[in-house]
C-alpha atoms as a PDB file:
ATOM      1  CA  MET A   1      21.999  19.921  11.895  1.00  0.00           C
ATOM      2  CA  LYS A   2      24.562  22.066  10.010  1.00  0.00           C
ATOM      3  CA  ARG A   3      24.050  23.383   6.539  1.00  0.00           C
ATOM      4  CA  GLN A   4      26.320  20.857   4.836  1.00  0.00           C
ATOM      5  CA  GLN A   5      24.684  18.020   6.643  1.00  0.00           C
ATOM      6  CA  LEU A   6      21.239  19.237   5.436  1.00  0.00           C
ATOM      7  CA  LEU A   7      22.561  19.709   1.829  1.00  0.00           C
ATOM      8  CA  ASP A   8      23.987  16.215   1.879  1.00  0.00           C
ATOM      9  CA  LYS A   9      20.707  14.705   3.106  1.00  0.00           C
ATOM     10  CA  LEU A  10      18.796  16.804   0.504  1.00  0.00           C
ATOM     11  CA  ASP A  11      21.084  15.397  -2.200  1.00  0.00           C
ATOM     12  CA  ARG A  12      20.696  11.843  -1.165  1.00  0.00           C
ATOM     13  CA  GLU A  13      16.875  12.024  -0.951  1.00  0.00           C
ATOM     14  CA  TRP A  14      16.689  13.884  -4.203  1.00  0.00           C
ATOM     15  CA  GLY A  15      18.865  11.226  -5.833  1.00  0.00           C
ATOM     16  CA  ALA A  16      16.605   8.391  -4.610  1.00  0.00           C
ATOM     17  CA  PHE A  17      13.488  10.324  -5.679  1.00  0.00           C
ATOM     18  CA  SER A  18      14.941  10.929  -9.231  1.00  0.00           C
ATOM     19  CA  ALA A  19      15.981   7.307  -9.533  1.00  0.00           C
ATOM     20  CA  SER A  20      12.497   6.129  -8.533  1.00  0.00           C
ATOM     21  CA  TYR A  21      11.016   7.356 -11.761  1.00  0.00           C
ATOM     22  CA  ALA A  22      14.112   7.222 -14.034  1.00  0.00           C
ATOM     23  CA  GLY A  23      13.688   5.230 -17.183  1.00  0.00           C
ATOM     24  CA  LEU A  24       9.947   5.544 -17.395  1.00  0.00           C
ATOM     25  CA  THR A  25       8.458   6.287 -20.788  1.00  0.00           C
ATOM     26  CA  THR A  26       6.485   9.328 -21.544  1.00  0.00           C
ATOM     27  CA  GLY A  27       3.286   7.240 -21.398  1.00  0.00           C
ATOM     28  CA  GLU A  28       4.178   5.736 -18.065  1.00  0.00           C
ATOM     29  CA  LEU A  29       4.994   9.188 -16.572  1.00  0.00           C
ATOM     30  CA  GLU A  30       1.654  10.529 -17.729  1.00  0.00           C
ATOM     31  CA  GLU A  31      -0.438   7.423 -16.829  1.00  0.00           C
ATOM     32  CA  HIS A  32      -2.933   8.279 -14.124  1.00  0.00           C
ATOM     33  CA  GLY A  33      -3.167   6.016 -11.104  1.00  0.00           C
ATOM     34  CA  ALA A  34       0.534   5.852 -10.184  1.00  0.00           C
ATOM     35  CA  VAL A  35      -0.310   7.565  -6.846  1.00  0.00           C
ATOM     36  CA  GLY A  36      -4.051   7.567  -6.186  1.00  0.00           C
ATOM     37  CA  GLU A  37      -5.461   9.323  -9.177  1.00  0.00           C
ATOM     38  CA  TRP A  38      -2.255  11.158  -9.913  1.00  0.00           C
ATOM     39  CA  SER A  39       0.281  10.321 -12.582  1.00  0.00           C
ATOM     40  CA  VAL A  40       4.071  10.435 -11.860  1.00  0.00           C
ATOM     41  CA  LYS A  41       4.032  13.706 -13.901  1.00  0.00           C
ATOM     42  CA  ASP A  42       1.389  15.163 -11.519  1.00  0.00           C
ATOM     43  CA  ILE A  43       3.503  14.274  -8.567  1.00  0.00           C
ATOM     44  CA  LEU A  44       6.608  15.831 -10.175  1.00  0.00           C
ATOM     45  CA  GLY A  45       4.637  19.066 -10.435  1.00  0.00           C
ATOM     46  CA  HIS A  46       3.340  18.649  -6.916  1.00  0.00           C
ATOM     47  CA  VAL A  47       6.927  18.385  -5.572  1.00  0.00           C
ATOM     48  CA  THR A  48       7.974  21.481  -7.575  1.00  0.00           C
ATOM     49  CA  THR A  49       5.040  23.383  -6.033  1.00  0.00           C
ATOM     50  CA  TRP A  50       6.036  22.389  -2.492  1.00  0.00           C
ATOM     51  CA  GLU A  51       9.733  23.242  -3.106  1.00  0.00           C
ATOM     52  CA  ASP A  52       8.684  26.683  -4.398  1.00  0.00           C
ATOM     53  CA  GLU A  53       6.466  27.175  -1.336  1.00  0.00           C
ATOM     54  CA  CYS A  54       9.371  26.222   0.905  1.00  0.00           C
ATOM     55  CA  ILE A  55      11.419  29.082  -0.506  1.00  0.00           C
ATOM     56  CA  LYS A  56       8.508  31.519  -0.140  1.00  0.00           C
ATOM     57  CA  ALA A  57       8.023  30.398   3.491  1.00  0.00           C
ATOM     58  CA  LEU A  58      11.750  30.726   4.350  1.00  0.00           C
ATOM     59  CA  LYS A  59      11.854  34.211   2.926  1.00  0.00           C
ATOM     60  CA  LEU A  60       8.791  35.148   5.090  1.00  0.00           C
ATOM     61  CA  PHE A  61      10.436  33.655   8.085  1.00  0.00           C
ATOM     62  CA  GLN A  62      13.440  35.895   7.493  1.00  0.00           C
ATOM     63  CA  GLN A  63      11.072  38.843   7.674  1.00  0.00           C
ATOM     64  CA  THR A  64       9.528  37.369  10.874  1.00  0.00           C
ATOM     65  CA  LYS A  65       6.341  36.751   9.033  1.00  0.00           C
ATOM     66  CA  ARG A  66       4.235  33.599   8.752  1.00  0.00           C
ATOM     67  CA  PRO A  67       3.546  31.851   5.478  1.00  0.00           C
ATOM     68  CA  PRO A  68      -0.067  31.431   4.323  1.00  0.00           C
ATOM     69  CA  ARG A  69      -1.887  28.290   5.368  1.00  0.00           C
ATOM     70  CA  TYR A  70      -4.055  27.832   2.257  1.00  0.00           C
ATOM     71  CA  GLY A  71      -6.644  26.022   4.325  1.00  0.00           C
ATOM     72  CA  GLY A  72      -4.405  23.066   5.161  1.00  0.00           C
ATOM     73  CA  VAL A  73      -2.192  20.655   3.310  1.00  0.00           C
ATOM     74  CA  ASP A  74      -5.029  18.553   1.778  1.00  0.00           C
ATOM     75  CA  LYS A  75      -6.663  21.674   0.286  1.00  0.00           C
ATOM     76  CA  PHE A  76      -3.320  22.934  -1.044  1.00  0.00           C
ATOM     77  CA  ASN A  77      -2.633  19.503  -2.560  1.00  0.00           C
ATOM     78  CA  ALA A  78      -6.007  19.323  -4.106  1.00  0.00           C
ATOM     79  CA  VAL A  79      -5.224  22.326  -6.345  1.00  0.00           C
ATOM     80  CA  GLU A  80      -4.035  21.071  -9.703  1.00  0.00           C
ATOM     81  CA  TRP A  81      -1.118  23.455  -9.850  1.00  0.00           C
ATOM     82  CA  LYS A  82       0.751  21.987 -12.791  1.00  0.00           C
ATOM     83  CA  ARG A  83      -1.519  19.276 -14.179  1.00  0.00           C
ATOM     84  CA  GLY A  84      -2.165  20.973 -17.487  1.00  0.00           C
ATOM     85  CA  LEU A  85       1.435  21.499 -18.282  1.00  0.00           C
ATOM     86  CA  PRO A  86       3.318  19.464 -20.827  1.00  0.00           C
ATOM     87  CA  LEU A  87       5.662  16.799 -19.418  1.00  0.00           C
ATOM     88  CA  ARG A  88       8.792  18.443 -20.712  1.00  0.00           C
ATOM     89  CA  GLN A  89       7.910  21.678 -18.901  1.00  0.00           C
ATOM     90  CA  VAL A  90       7.037  19.883 -15.685  1.00  0.00           C
ATOM     91  CA  VAL A  91      10.431  18.076 -15.669  1.00  0.00           C
ATOM     92  CA  ARG A  92      12.286  21.261 -16.502  1.00  0.00           C
ATOM     93  CA  GLU A  93      10.453  23.199 -13.707  1.00  0.00           C
ATOM     94  CA  LEU A  94      11.210  20.338 -11.259  1.00  0.00           C
ATOM     95  CA  GLN A  95      14.938  20.469 -12.070  1.00  0.00           C
ATOM     96  CA  GLU A  96      15.001  24.292 -11.837  1.00  0.00           C
ATOM     97  CA  SER A  97      13.010  24.238  -8.526  1.00  0.00           C
ATOM     98  CA  ASP A  98      15.521  21.772  -7.041  1.00  0.00           C
ATOM     99  CA  GLN A  99      18.461  24.039  -8.099  1.00  0.00           C
ATOM    100  CA  ARG A 100      16.723  27.158  -6.679  1.00  0.00           C
ATOM    101  CA  THR A 101      15.984  25.358  -3.413  1.00  0.00           C
ATOM    102  CA  VAL A 102      19.600  24.169  -2.942  1.00  0.00           C
ATOM    103  CA  ALA A 103      21.005  27.503  -3.917  1.00  0.00           C
ATOM    104  CA  PHE A 104      18.648  29.362  -1.544  1.00  0.00           C
ATOM    105  CA  ILE A 105      19.468  27.099   1.338  1.00  0.00           C
ATOM    106  CA  GLY A 106      23.124  27.781   0.640  1.00  0.00           C
ATOM    107  CA  THR A 107      22.537  31.511   1.156  1.00  0.00           C
ATOM    108  CA  LEU A 108      20.874  31.129   4.611  1.00  0.00           C
ATOM    109  CA  PRO A 109      22.908  32.051   7.670  1.00  0.00           C
ATOM    110  CA  GLU A 110      24.320  28.962   9.506  1.00  0.00           C
ATOM    111  CA  GLN A 111      22.360  29.840  12.682  1.00  0.00           C
ATOM    112  CA  HIS A 112      19.125  28.920  10.892  1.00  0.00           C
ATOM    113  CA  PHE A 113      20.269  25.310  10.719  1.00  0.00           C
ATOM    114  CA  ALA A 114      21.314  25.058  14.325  1.00  0.00           C
ATOM    115  CA  TYR A 115      18.768  27.099  16.165  1.00  0.00           C
ATOM    116  CA  ASP A 116      15.770  28.168  14.044  1.00  0.00           C
ATOM    117  CA  ARG A 117      13.114  25.515  14.351  1.00  0.00           C
ATOM    118  CA  PRO A 118      10.655  26.925  11.796  1.00  0.00           C
ATOM    119  CA  PHE A 119      13.461  26.978   9.131  1.00  0.00           C
ATOM    120  CA  ARG A 120      14.535  23.416   9.762  1.00  0.00           C
ATOM    121  CA  HIS A 121      10.976  22.208  10.066  1.00  0.00           C
ATOM    122  CA  ARG A 122       9.836  23.724   6.812  1.00  0.00           C
ATOM    123  CA  ILE A 123      12.847  22.540   4.910  1.00  0.00           C
ATOM    124  CA  ARG A 124      12.358  19.033   6.131  1.00  0.00           C
ATOM    125  CA  LEU A 125       8.617  18.954   5.384  1.00  0.00           C
ATOM    126  CA  ASP A 126       8.927  20.360   1.827  1.00  0.00           C
ATOM    127  CA  THR A 127      12.091  18.672   0.691  1.00  0.00           C
ATOM    128  CA  TYR A 128      14.120  15.788   2.098  1.00  0.00           C
ATOM    129  CA  GLY A 129      11.228  14.642   4.274  1.00  0.00           C
ATOM    130  CA  HIS A 130       8.767  14.862   1.350  1.00  0.00           C
ATOM    131  CA  TYR A 131      10.711  13.068  -1.359  1.00  0.00           C
ATOM    132  CA  PRO A 132      10.704   9.623   0.325  1.00  0.00           C
ATOM    133  CA  GLU A 133       6.984   9.653   0.414  1.00  0.00           C
ATOM    134  CA  HIS A 134       6.767   9.815  -3.427  1.00  0.00           C
ATOM    135  CA  THR A 135       9.935   7.679  -3.923  1.00  0.00           C
ATOM    136  CA  GLY A 136       8.156   4.828  -2.050  1.00  0.00           C
ATOM    137  CA  SER A 137       4.963   5.304  -3.968  1.00  0.00           C
ATOM    138  CA  PHE A 138       6.732   5.289  -7.318  1.00  0.00           C
ATOM    139  CA  LEU A 139       8.782   2.173  -6.463  1.00  0.00           C
ATOM    140  CA  ALA A 140       5.623   0.377  -5.279  1.00  0.00           C
ATOM    141  CA  TRP A 141       3.717   1.310  -8.397  1.00  0.00           C
ATOM    142  CA  ARG A 142       6.660   0.217 -10.586  1.00  0.00           C
ATOM    143  CA  LYS A 143       6.871  -3.113  -8.774  1.00  0.00           C
ATOM    144  CA  LYS A 144       3.133  -3.671  -9.217  1.00  0.00           C
ATOM    145  CA  ARG A 145       3.434  -3.005 -12.917  1.00  0.00           C
ATOM    146  CA  GLY A 146       6.659  -4.849 -13.338  1.00  0.00           C
ATOM    147  CA  THR A 147       8.560  -1.825 -14.693  1.00  0.00           C
END
């Protein structure tokens, strides 16, 4: 996959993810139980955290280092990284994180997209491969609620 193909895919999946919660009220965004025990706001913070971890991992890969494992995905997800933050801050950080991610990917040498499996794998897991999981959850929750 080339850089532009990846950025296009990232943009498409981000758009679908953003649309999946667009128009929800503050109360709906903060209502627990949208995805398991989590609210939509909690998931937005969760996505921000994973995007930020993606950039950290890619920077470490550039130094031929390995990113921390945190005891596995479930343990990492169990940490309430952004749950106590106000909704406005969570949404702002989500938008900023997406902009940072796209900008950082834009700085990577083209060879990482063609040949470097750890780069491609991590980008997929933490971004365009991650968004659809939550897009689907949000859409199912909205359908169930009739919103």
